[in-house]
Protein backbone atom coordinates (compact mmCIF):
# COMPACT_ATOMS: atom_id res chain seq x y z
CA GLN A 1 115.75 113.61 90.52
CA VAL A 2 114.30 110.82 92.63
CA MET A 3 113.57 111.79 96.22
CA LEU A 4 112.06 109.80 99.06
CA VAL A 5 111.14 111.55 102.30
CA GLU A 6 110.09 109.55 105.35
CA SER A 7 108.27 110.87 108.39
CA GLY A 8 106.46 109.66 111.48
CA GLY A 9 109.16 108.07 113.59
CA ARG A 10 109.23 108.75 117.33
CA LEU A 11 109.50 107.19 120.76
CA VAL A 12 106.61 104.82 121.53
CA GLN A 13 105.90 102.43 124.39
CA PRO A 14 105.85 98.66 123.89
CA GLY A 15 102.46 97.56 122.62
CA GLY A 16 101.84 100.91 121.01
CA SER A 17 101.18 101.86 117.40
CA LEU A 18 102.86 104.14 114.92
CA SER A 19 102.31 105.10 111.29
CA LEU A 20 105.19 105.99 108.98
CA SER A 21 104.86 107.83 105.68
CA CYS A 22 107.14 108.14 102.69
CA THR A 23 106.47 110.66 99.95
CA ALA A 24 108.17 110.12 96.60
CA SER A 25 109.01 112.40 93.70
CA GLY A 26 111.03 112.29 90.50
CA PHE A 27 109.47 109.18 88.97
CA ILE A 28 106.03 107.80 88.09
CA PHE A 29 105.26 106.47 91.55
CA SER A 30 102.25 104.36 90.58
CA ARG A 31 104.31 102.14 88.27
CA TYR A 32 106.84 100.93 90.82
CA PRO A 33 106.81 98.61 93.84
CA MET A 34 107.79 100.26 97.09
CA ASN A 35 109.62 98.86 100.10
CA TRP A 36 110.20 99.61 103.74
CA TYR A 37 113.51 98.53 105.28
CA ARG A 38 114.89 98.98 108.76
CA GLN A 39 118.31 98.97 110.33
CA ALA A 40 118.92 98.47 114.03
CA PRO A 41 122.23 99.44 115.69
CA GLY A 42 124.92 96.91 114.86
CA LYS A 43 122.70 94.98 112.46
CA GLU A 44 122.30 94.80 108.71
CA ARG A 45 119.51 96.59 106.94
CA GLU A 46 116.54 94.26 106.50
CA LEU A 47 113.45 94.27 104.30
CA VAL A 48 110.34 94.78 106.41
CA ALA A 49 107.52 95.08 103.87
CA ARG A 50 106.91 95.40 100.15
CA ILE A 51 103.93 96.50 98.09
CA GLY A 52 103.43 96.03 94.38
CA SER A 53 102.51 98.76 91.94
CA ILE A 54 99.24 98.12 90.12
CA VAL A 55 98.17 94.84 91.77
CA ARG A 56 99.40 96.09 95.18
CA SER A 57 100.30 92.65 96.44
CA THR A 58 102.10 92.79 99.77
CA SER A 59 104.73 90.76 101.57
CA TYR A 60 106.26 91.00 105.02
CA ALA A 61 109.22 89.84 107.05
CA ASP A 62 108.22 87.02 109.39
CA SER A 63 109.10 89.18 112.37
CA VAL A 64 106.39 91.73 111.55
CA LYS A 65 103.64 89.61 109.96
CA GLY A 66 100.28 90.28 111.56
CA ARG A 67 101.52 93.48 113.21
CA PHE A 68 102.61 95.74 110.34
CA THR A 69 100.61 96.79 107.27
CA ILE A 70 102.04 98.46 104.17
CA SER A 71 99.78 100.49 101.91
CA ARG A 72 100.06 103.16 99.23
CA ASP A 73 98.15 106.12 97.87
CA ASN A 74 99.21 106.64 94.27
CA ALA A 75 97.32 109.93 94.07
CA LYS A 76 99.57 111.29 96.83
CA ASN A 77 102.78 109.51 95.76
CA THR A 78 102.95 108.14 99.28
CA VAL A 79 103.59 104.75 100.85
CA TYR A 80 102.67 104.03 104.46
CA LEU A 81 103.69 101.57 107.13
CA GLN A 82 101.20 101.03 109.93
CA MET A 83 102.92 99.39 112.88
CA ASN A 84 100.90 97.87 115.72
CA SER A 85 101.83 95.90 118.82
CA LEU A 86 105.30 97.38 118.71
CA LYS A 87 108.13 95.58 120.49
CA PRO A 88 111.51 96.84 121.71
CA GLU A 89 113.13 94.78 118.95
CA ASP A 90 111.32 96.94 116.38
CA THR A 91 113.61 99.81 117.39
CA ALA A 92 115.50 100.88 114.26
CA VAL A 93 115.87 103.52 111.61
CA TYR A 94 113.17 102.86 109.01
CA TYR A 95 113.91 103.59 105.36
CA CYS A 96 111.72 103.88 102.31
CA ASN A 97 113.14 102.31 99.15
CA ALA A 98 112.37 102.29 95.44
CA ARG A 99 114.25 100.71 92.55
CA TYR A 100 114.03 102.98 89.52
CA GLN A 101 115.88 102.26 86.30
CA LEU A 102 117.95 99.59 88.07
CA VAL A 103 119.12 102.02 90.76
CA ASP A 104 118.10 101.73 94.42
CA TYR A 105 116.96 104.97 95.99
CA TRP A 106 116.64 105.56 99.72
CA GLY A 107 115.14 108.18 101.95
CA GLN A 108 117.03 109.73 104.85
CA GLY A 109 115.35 107.40 107.34
CA THR A 110 113.13 107.98 110.34
CA GLN A 111 113.99 106.76 113.85
CA VAL A 112 111.53 104.49 115.63
CA THR A 113 112.30 103.76 119.27
CA VAL A 114 110.17 101.32 121.25
CA SER A 115 110.86 101.68 124.94
CA SER A 116 109.12 102.19 128.26
């Protein structure tokens, strides 16, 4: 079955950096786009970044452009989110997402807290 497992979330000071990872299994990872979403307390889940499969084109939410970078390693079935210049408003649970056979799959989430 499809599984997505995120890691890397923690408490970080404003202006700091953090790298999240998501390892996938249960489908041919290299053939599918991958997404990072986040959900802050009391807010809806929002798309943060997306990366294509073969072409690996990327897109970002306006709020993170220039600060976050999504990448993937198809040999390791892993997608990454490098987050720089973190702000308190980046505090959220970050989720990895893949759409496989018309079904959305989610990881368990990893908590990122930006605070001094």
